[in-house]
C-alpha atoms as a PDB file:
ATOM      1  CA  UNK A   1       0.535 -24.536 -18.884  1.00  0.00           C
ATOM      2  CA  UNK A   2       1.000 -27.217 -16.248  1.00  0.00           C
ATOM      3  CA  UNK A   3       0.860 -26.271 -12.583  1.00  0.00           C
ATOM      4  CA  UNK A   4       4.445 -27.422 -12.131  1.00  0.00           C
ATOM      5  CA  UNK A   5       5.650 -24.909 -14.720  1.00  0.00           C
ATOM      6  CA  UNK A   6       3.550 -22.085 -13.223  1.00  0.00           C
ATOM      7  CA  UNK A   7       4.906 -22.973  -9.812  1.00  0.00           C
ATOM      8  CA  UNK A   8       8.547 -23.010 -10.937  1.00  0.00           C
ATOM      9  CA  UNK A   9       8.152 -19.699 -12.749  1.00  0.00           C
ATOM     10  CA  UNK A  10       6.862 -17.996  -9.606  1.00  0.00           C
ATOM     11  CA  UNK A  11       9.464 -19.678  -7.433  1.00  0.00           C
ATOM     12  CA  UNK A  12      12.232 -18.402  -9.694  1.00  0.00           C
ATOM     13  CA  UNK A  13      10.812 -14.868  -9.564  1.00  0.00           C
ATOM     14  CA  UNK A  14      10.657 -15.005  -5.758  1.00  0.00           C
ATOM     15  CA  UNK A  15      14.209 -16.307  -5.534  1.00  0.00           C
ATOM     16  CA  UNK A  16      15.453 -13.512  -7.808  1.00  0.00           C
ATOM     17  CA  UNK A  17      13.603 -10.960  -5.693  1.00  0.00           C
ATOM     18  CA  UNK A  18      15.149 -12.298  -2.485  1.00  0.00           C
ATOM     19  CA  UNK A  19      18.627 -12.129  -4.022  1.00  0.00           C
ATOM     20  CA  UNK A  20      18.115  -8.476  -4.958  1.00  0.00           C
ATOM     21  CA  UNK A  21      16.496  -7.613  -1.644  1.00  0.00           C
ATOM     22  CA  UNK A  22      19.327  -9.116   0.407  1.00  0.00           C
ATOM     23  CA  UNK A  23      21.976  -7.945  -2.056  1.00  0.00           C
ATOM     24  CA  UNK A  24      23.137 -11.545  -2.353  1.00  0.00           C
ATOM     25  CA  UNK A  25      24.238 -12.414  -5.861  1.00  0.00           C
ATOM     26  CA  UNK A  26      26.616 -15.262  -5.130  1.00  0.00           C
ATOM     27  CA  UNK A  27      25.219 -18.767  -4.749  1.00  0.00           C
ATOM     28  CA  UNK A  28      23.102 -18.802  -1.609  1.00  0.00           C
ATOM     29  CA  UNK A  29      20.543 -21.349  -0.516  1.00  0.00           C
ATOM     30  CA  UNK A  30      16.892 -20.375  -0.716  1.00  0.00           C
ATOM     31  CA  UNK A  31      16.548 -21.054   3.003  1.00  0.00           C
ATOM     32  CA  UNK A  32      19.302 -18.572   3.828  1.00  0.00           C
ATOM     33  CA  UNK A  33      17.754 -15.975   1.535  1.00  0.00           C
ATOM     34  CA  UNK A  34      14.391 -16.347   3.274  1.00  0.00           C
ATOM     35  CA  UNK A  35      15.982 -16.175   6.725  1.00  0.00           C
ATOM     36  CA  UNK A  36      17.915 -13.031   5.810  1.00  0.00           C
ATOM     37  CA  UNK A  37      14.989 -11.231   4.202  1.00  0.00           C
ATOM     38  CA  UNK A  38      12.549 -12.127   6.988  1.00  0.00           C
ATOM     39  CA  UNK A  39      14.528  -9.978   9.425  1.00  0.00           C
ATOM     40  CA  UNK A  40      13.505  -6.772   7.667  1.00  0.00           C
ATOM     41  CA  UNK A  41      10.755  -7.652   5.176  1.00  0.00           C
ATOM     42  CA  UNK A  42       7.304  -8.054   6.735  1.00  0.00           C
ATOM     43  CA  UNK A  43       5.907 -10.003   3.779  1.00  0.00           C
ATOM     44  CA  UNK A  44       8.732 -12.540   3.865  1.00  0.00           C
ATOM     45  CA  UNK A  45       8.360 -12.746   7.637  1.00  0.00           C
ATOM     46  CA  UNK A  46       4.618 -13.379   7.328  1.00  0.00           C
ATOM     47  CA  UNK A  47       5.052 -16.103   4.693  1.00  0.00           C
ATOM     48  CA  UNK A  48       8.351 -17.515   5.926  1.00  0.00           C
ATOM     49  CA  UNK A  49       6.966 -20.934   6.867  1.00  0.00           C
ATOM     50  CA  UNK A  50       5.101 -21.187   3.542  1.00  0.00           C
ATOM     51  CA  UNK A  51       8.207 -20.231   1.561  1.00  0.00           C
ATOM     52  CA  UNK A  52      10.294 -22.905   3.251  1.00  0.00           C
ATOM     53  CA  UNK A  53       7.638 -25.531   2.559  1.00  0.00           C
ATOM     54  CA  UNK A  54       7.368 -24.370  -1.054  1.00  0.00           C
ATOM     55  CA  UNK A  55      11.139 -24.812  -1.332  1.00  0.00           C
ATOM     56  CA  UNK A  56      10.737 -28.500  -0.495  1.00  0.00           C
ATOM     57  CA  UNK A  57       8.085 -28.846  -3.180  1.00  0.00           C
ATOM     58  CA  UNK A  58      10.345 -27.097  -5.693  1.00  0.00           C
ATOM     59  CA  UNK A  59      13.087 -29.617  -4.924  1.00  0.00           C
ATOM     60  CA  UNK A  60      10.679 -32.498  -5.449  1.00  0.00           C
ATOM     61  CA  UNK A  61       9.534 -31.103  -8.789  1.00  0.00           C
ATOM     62  CA  UNK A  62      13.046 -30.420 -10.061  1.00  0.00           C
ATOM     63  CA  UNK A  63      14.933 -33.423  -8.745  1.00  0.00           C
ATOM     64  CA  UNK A  64      12.427 -36.266  -8.485  1.00  0.00           C
ATOM     65  CA  UNK A  65      11.074 -37.590 -11.763  1.00  0.00           C
ATOM     66  CA  UNK A  66       9.729 -40.843 -13.147  1.00  0.00           C
ATOM     67  CA  UNK A  67      10.230 -41.583 -16.822  1.00  0.00           C
ATOM     68  CA  UNK A  68      11.081 -37.920 -17.332  1.00  0.00           C
ATOM     69  CA  UNK A  69       7.834 -36.705 -15.731  1.00  0.00           C
ATOM     70  CA  UNK A  70       7.574 -34.781 -12.474  1.00  0.00           C
ATOM     71  CA  UNK A  71       6.138 -36.837  -9.636  1.00  0.00           C
ATOM     72  CA  UNK A  72       4.899 -33.834  -7.641  1.00  0.00           C
ATOM     73  CA  UNK A  73       2.421 -31.776  -9.615  1.00  0.00           C
ATOM     74  CA  UNK A  74       1.237 -28.875  -7.391  1.00  0.00           C
ATOM     75  CA  UNK A  75      -2.505 -28.499  -6.903  1.00  0.00           C
ATOM     76  CA  UNK A  76      -4.276 -25.255  -7.764  1.00  0.00           C
ATOM     77  CA  UNK A  77      -4.258 -23.881  -4.215  1.00  0.00           C
ATOM     78  CA  UNK A  78      -0.478 -24.189  -3.998  1.00  0.00           C
ATOM     79  CA  UNK A  79      -0.008 -22.374  -7.292  1.00  0.00           C
ATOM     80  CA  UNK A  80      -2.353 -19.614  -6.145  1.00  0.00           C
ATOM     81  CA  UNK A  81      -0.375 -19.249  -2.909  1.00  0.00           C
ATOM     82  CA  UNK A  82       3.031 -18.920  -4.534  1.00  0.00           C
ATOM     83  CA  UNK A  83       1.692 -16.528  -7.171  1.00  0.00           C
ATOM     84  CA  UNK A  84       0.154 -14.406  -4.420  1.00  0.00           C
ATOM     85  CA  UNK A  85       3.473 -14.244  -2.560  1.00  0.00           C
ATOM     86  CA  UNK A  86       5.183 -13.286  -5.813  1.00  0.00           C
ATOM     87  CA  UNK A  87       2.684 -10.447  -6.369  1.00  0.00           C
ATOM     88  CA  UNK A  88       3.045  -9.186  -2.805  1.00  0.00           C
ATOM     89  CA  UNK A  89       6.824  -9.101  -3.039  1.00  0.00           C
ATOM     90  CA  UNK A  90       7.137  -7.625  -6.515  1.00  0.00           C
ATOM     91  CA  UNK A  91       4.179  -5.253  -6.635  1.00  0.00           C
ATOM     92  CA  UNK A  92       2.457  -4.758  -3.256  1.00  0.00           C
ATOM     93  CA  UNK A  93      -0.451  -2.300  -3.025  1.00  0.00           C
ATOM     94  CA  UNK A  94       0.471   1.344  -2.395  1.00  0.00           C
ATOM     95  CA  UNK A  95      -0.785   3.572   0.432  1.00  0.00           C
ATOM     96  CA  UNK A  96      -2.621   5.679  -2.139  1.00  0.00           C
ATOM     97  CA  UNK A  97      -5.459   5.588  -2.939  1.00  0.00           C
ATOM     98  CA  UNK A  98      -6.478   3.435   0.048  1.00  0.00           C
ATOM     99  CA  UNK A  99      -5.461   6.033   2.636  1.00  0.00           C
ATOM    100  CA  UNK A 100      -6.165   9.156   0.614  1.00  0.00           C
ATOM    101  CA  UNK A 101      -8.393  11.404   2.680  1.00  0.00           C
ATOM    102  CA  UNK A 102      -8.614  14.948   3.947  1.00  0.00           C
ATOM    103  CA  UNK A 103      -6.258  15.231   6.901  1.00  0.00           C
ATOM    104  CA  UNK A 104      -7.653  17.287   9.775  1.00  0.00           C
ATOM    105  CA  UNK A 105      -5.148  19.927  10.889  1.00  0.00           C
ATOM    106  CA  UNK A 106      -5.063  22.868  13.287  1.00  0.00           C
ATOM    107  CA  UNK A 107      -2.644  25.739  13.812  1.00  0.00           C
ATOM    108  CA  UNK A 108      -0.557  26.247  16.925  1.00  0.00           C
ATOM    109  CA  UNK A 109      -2.459  29.470  17.609  1.00  0.00           C
ATOM    110  CA  UNK A 110      -5.799  27.630  17.735  1.00  0.00           C
ATOM    111  CA  UNK A 111      -7.090  26.673  21.174  1.00  0.00           C
ATOM    112  CA  UNK A 112      -7.019  23.323  22.907  1.00  0.00           C
ATOM    113  CA  UNK A 113     -10.811  23.627  23.015  1.00  0.00           C
ATOM    114  CA  UNK A 114     -10.774  23.566  19.195  1.00  0.00           C
ATOM    115  CA  UNK A 115      -8.621  20.446  19.298  1.00  0.00           C
ATOM    116  CA  UNK A 116     -10.795  18.601  21.808  1.00  0.00           C
ATOM    117  CA  UNK A 117     -13.919  19.487  19.847  1.00  0.00           C
ATOM    118  CA  UNK A 118     -12.415  18.166  16.605  1.00  0.00           C
ATOM    119  CA  UNK A 119     -11.127  14.996  18.241  1.00  0.00           C
ATOM    120  CA  UNK A 120     -14.574  14.292  19.636  1.00  0.00           C
ATOM    121  CA  UNK A 121     -16.427  15.144  16.442  1.00  0.00           C
ATOM    122  CA  UNK A 122     -14.117  13.198  14.123  1.00  0.00           C
ATOM    123  CA  UNK A 123     -13.220  10.360  16.533  1.00  0.00           C
ATOM    124  CA  UNK A 124      -9.469  10.892  16.175  1.00  0.00           C
ATOM    125  CA  UNK A 125      -6.738  10.922  18.804  1.00  0.00           C
ATOM    126  CA  UNK A 126      -4.038  12.757  16.838  1.00  0.00           C
ATOM    127  CA  UNK A 127      -4.118  16.038  14.942  1.00  0.00           C
ATOM    128  CA  UNK A 128      -1.161  17.409  12.932  1.00  0.00           C
ATOM    129  CA  UNK A 129      -0.425  20.982  14.007  1.00  0.00           C
ATOM    130  CA  UNK A 130       0.777  23.644  11.578  1.00  0.00           C
ATOM    131  CA  UNK A 131       2.918  26.636  12.484  1.00  0.00           C
ATOM    132  CA  UNK A 132       2.170  30.210  11.520  1.00  0.00           C
ATOM    133  CA  UNK A 133       3.825  29.557   8.143  1.00  0.00           C
ATOM    134  CA  UNK A 134       1.306  26.717   7.584  1.00  0.00           C
ATOM    135  CA  UNK A 135       4.076  24.120   7.622  1.00  0.00           C
ATOM    136  CA  UNK A 136       4.004  21.016   9.830  1.00  0.00           C
ATOM    137  CA  UNK A 137       5.032  21.801  13.392  1.00  0.00           C
ATOM    138  CA  UNK A 138       4.081  18.867  15.580  1.00  0.00           C
ATOM    139  CA  UNK A 139       1.501  16.171  16.294  1.00  0.00           C
ATOM    140  CA  UNK A 140      -1.012  16.879  19.037  1.00  0.00           C
ATOM    141  CA  UNK A 141      -2.282  13.706  20.722  1.00  0.00           C
ATOM    142  CA  UNK A 142      -5.046  13.110  23.223  1.00  0.00           C
ATOM    143  CA  UNK A 143      -2.363  11.884  25.638  1.00  0.00           C
ATOM    144  CA  UNK A 144      -0.606  15.242  25.436  1.00  0.00           C
ATOM    145  CA  UNK A 145      -3.861  17.014  26.274  1.00  0.00           C
ATOM    146  CA  UNK A 146      -4.382  14.723  29.258  1.00  0.00           C
ATOM    147  CA  UNK A 147      -0.826  15.415  30.477  1.00  0.00           C
ATOM    148  CA  UNK A 148      -1.461  19.159  30.180  1.00  0.00           C
ATOM    149  CA  UNK A 149      -4.782  18.876  32.028  1.00  0.00           C
ATOM    150  CA  UNK A 150      -3.193  16.927  34.837  1.00  0.00           C
ATOM    151  CA  UNK A 151      -0.282  19.345  35.209  1.00  0.00           C
ATOM    152  CA  UNK A 152      -1.802  22.748  34.616  1.00  0.00           C
ATOM    153  CA  UNK A 153      -5.566  22.985  34.797  1.00  0.00           C
ATOM    154  CA  UNK A 154      -7.381  23.721  38.038  1.00  0.00           C
ATOM    155  CA  UNK A 155     -11.068  22.825  38.482  1.00  0.00           C
ATOM    156  CA  UNK A 156     -13.466  25.413  37.100  1.00  0.00           C
ATOM    157  CA  UNK A 157     -10.600  27.526  35.764  1.00  0.00           C
ATOM    158  CA  UNK A 158     -12.090  27.806  32.288  1.00  0.00           C
ATOM    159  CA  UNK A 159      -8.590  27.559  30.870  1.00  0.00           C
ATOM    160  CA  UNK A 160      -9.424  25.151  28.108  1.00  0.00           C
ATOM    161  CA  UNK A 161     -11.275  27.810  26.119  1.00  0.00           C
ATOM    162  CA  UNK A 162      -8.331  30.218  26.047  1.00  0.00           C
ATOM    163  CA  UNK A 163      -5.154  28.124  26.033  1.00  0.00           C
ATOM    164  CA  UNK A 164      -3.436  27.777  22.669  1.00  0.00           C
ATOM    165  CA  UNK A 165      -2.247  24.477  21.265  1.00  0.00           C
ATOM    166  CA  UNK A 166       1.316  25.859  21.307  1.00  0.00           C
ATOM    167  CA  UNK A 167       1.153  25.947  25.114  1.00  0.00           C
ATOM    168  CA  UNK A 168      -0.273  22.445  25.358  1.00  0.00           C
ATOM    169  CA  UNK A 169       2.440  21.045  23.072  1.00  0.00           C
ATOM    170  CA  UNK A 170       4.967  21.818  25.787  1.00  0.00           C
ATOM    171  CA  UNK A 171       3.550  18.723  27.503  1.00  0.00           C
ATOM    172  CA  UNK A 172       3.955  16.429  24.505  1.00  0.00           C
ATOM    173  CA  UNK A 173       5.556  13.044  24.996  1.00  0.00           C
ATOM    174  CA  UNK A 174       9.187  13.414  23.933  1.00  0.00           C
ATOM    175  CA  UNK A 175       9.267   9.796  22.838  1.00  0.00           C
ATOM    176  CA  UNK A 176       6.427  10.164  20.316  1.00  0.00           C
ATOM    177  CA  UNK A 177       7.238  10.108  16.603  1.00  0.00           C
ATOM    178  CA  UNK A 178       5.359  11.248  13.506  1.00  0.00           C
ATOM    179  CA  UNK A 179       6.859  10.311  10.133  1.00  0.00           C
ATOM    180  CA  UNK A 180       6.240  11.420   6.552  1.00  0.00           C
ATOM    181  CA  UNK A 181       6.205   9.035   3.591  1.00  0.00           C
ATOM    182  CA  UNK A 182       5.692   9.535  -0.164  1.00  0.00           C
ATOM    183  CA  UNK A 183       2.464   8.400  -1.791  1.00  0.00           C
ATOM    184  CA  UNK A 184       4.314   5.691  -3.726  1.00  0.00           C
ATOM    185  CA  UNK A 185       5.118   3.818  -0.480  1.00  0.00           C
ATOM    186  CA  UNK A 186       3.631   0.318  -0.456  1.00  0.00           C
ATOM    187  CA  UNK A 187       1.835  -1.515   2.331  1.00  0.00           C
ATOM    188  CA  UNK A 188       4.772  -3.823   3.017  1.00  0.00           C
ATOM    189  CA  UNK A 189       7.036  -0.836   3.631  1.00  0.00           C
ATOM    190  CA  UNK A 190       4.467   0.681   6.017  1.00  0.00           C
ATOM    191  CA  UNK A 191       4.369  -2.551   8.006  1.00  0.00           C
ATOM    192  CA  UNK A 192       8.166  -2.553   8.103  1.00  0.00           C
ATOM    193  CA  UNK A 193       8.124   0.993   9.512  1.00  0.00           C
ATOM    194  CA  UNK A 194       5.632   0.128  12.263  1.00  0.00           C
ATOM    195  CA  UNK A 195       7.526  -3.089  13.001  1.00  0.00           C
ATOM    196  CA  UNK A 196      10.747  -1.104  13.435  1.00  0.00           C
ATOM    197  CA  UNK A 197       9.127   0.902  16.228  1.00  0.00           C
ATOM    198  CA  UNK A 198       7.382  -2.042  17.886  1.00  0.00           C
ATOM    199  CA  UNK A 199      10.137  -2.639  20.438  1.00  0.00           C
ATOM    200  CA  UNK A 200      11.791   0.775  20.205  1.00  0.00           C
ATOM    201  CA  UNK A 201      11.885   3.306  23.071  1.00  0.00           C
ATOM    202  CA  UNK A 202      10.077   5.774  20.809  1.00  0.00           C
ATOM    203  CA  UNK A 203       6.414   5.327  19.869  1.00  0.00           C
ATOM    204  CA  UNK A 204       5.250   5.820  16.296  1.00  0.00           C
ATOM    205  CA  UNK A 205       2.009   7.783  16.638  1.00  0.00           C
ATOM    206  CA  UNK A 206       1.250   8.411  12.975  1.00  0.00           C
ATOM    207  CA  UNK A 207       2.526   8.404   9.421  1.00  0.00           C
ATOM    208  CA  UNK A 208       1.497  11.299   7.199  1.00  0.00           C
ATOM    209  CA  UNK A 209       1.378  10.785   3.435  1.00  0.00           C
ATOM    210  CA  UNK A 210       2.517  13.530   1.066  1.00  0.00           C
ATOM    211  CA  UNK A 211       3.521  13.412  -2.581  1.00  0.00           C
ATOM    212  CA  UNK A 212       7.254  13.085  -1.914  1.00  0.00           C
ATOM    213  CA  UNK A 213       7.315  12.446   1.828  1.00  0.00           C
ATOM    214  CA  UNK A 214       8.189  16.034   2.795  1.00  0.00           C
ATOM    215  CA  UNK A 215       6.523  17.876   5.666  1.00  0.00           C
ATOM    216  CA  UNK A 216       6.112  21.064   3.607  1.00  0.00           C
ATOM    217  CA  UNK A 217       3.776  19.383   1.095  1.00  0.00           C
ATOM    218  CA  UNK A 218       0.013  18.943   1.094  1.00  0.00           C
ATOM    219  CA  UNK A 219      -1.131  16.191   3.440  1.00  0.00           C
ATOM    220  CA  UNK A 220      -2.738  13.450   1.335  1.00  0.00           C
ATOM    221  CA  UNK A 221      -3.544  10.957   4.068  1.00  0.00           C
ATOM    222  CA  UNK A 222      -2.600   9.662   7.497  1.00  0.00           C
ATOM    223  CA  UNK A 223      -1.970   6.169   8.897  1.00  0.00           C
ATOM    224  CA  UNK A 224      -2.011   5.158  12.564  1.00  0.00           C
ATOM    225  CA  UNK A 225      -1.829   1.879  14.451  1.00  0.00           C
ATOM    226  CA  UNK A 226      -5.618   1.680  14.175  1.00  0.00           C
ATOM    227  CA  UNK A 227      -5.255   1.336  10.395  1.00  0.00           C
ATOM    228  CA  UNK A 228      -2.991  -1.719  10.459  1.00  0.00           C
ATOM    229  CA  UNK A 229      -5.921  -4.198  10.245  1.00  0.00           C
ATOM    230  CA  UNK A 230      -6.917  -2.497   6.976  1.00  0.00           C
ATOM    231  CA  UNK A 231      -3.422  -3.127   5.598  1.00  0.00           C
ATOM    232  CA  UNK A 232      -3.322  -6.750   6.729  1.00  0.00           C
ATOM    233  CA  UNK A 233      -6.771  -7.381   5.263  1.00  0.00           C
ATOM    234  CA  UNK A 234      -5.807  -5.787   1.933  1.00  0.00           C
ATOM    235  CA  UNK A 235      -2.622  -7.848   1.732  1.00  0.00           C
ATOM    236  CA  UNK A 236      -4.533 -11.009   2.604  1.00  0.00           C
ATOM    237  CA  UNK A 237      -6.992 -10.391  -0.246  1.00  0.00           C
ATOM    238  CA  UNK A 238      -4.394  -9.150  -2.742  1.00  0.00           C
END
């Protein structure tokens, strides 16, 4: 199959996707579809400039011919690019299995000493805390521990060995957010979630993965801002 046909097939699939995504089924220009979708879709936003340039090539292929033959036959790299964008939009990689791992948790009756020890040993800055019913209660962060230390602990008091996490959580940042997502969530949706909080007054500390996105289910994985490079790299190589 000629590159021009491969290109047009992918372009048509992308255009159909954008129409569904923006809920625009009347005649709408491709440029408007891209502009609309780029406001909320991180993949479209990332490839917005490419999509608009590919639109110009599509127009040249469809409308400019010589003796019935297209005058703009795309080269292999262009076809690979548009097919990659099509794949990313229609079937982006999911958070599982990439982020499947044992999630470290503690209970609210455990001590802050336990938390600090785990954070140091595992090189993490957030630990999901479970209540006495073993359901998710809150997210303990290193910042919360620092706030508690600065407000409550006196030098040589030895408090850290006896204070429970429940007491320390009283000093949590009220603006911090921890969300739950189902394992079927894709990378593009995760980027959209983090992007939503980028300029928000609340800070997204972590996203916990469960089977259906409920906080009473087994924790299957966790994603933080530190994991975003992994997502971008995976999407770039997809």
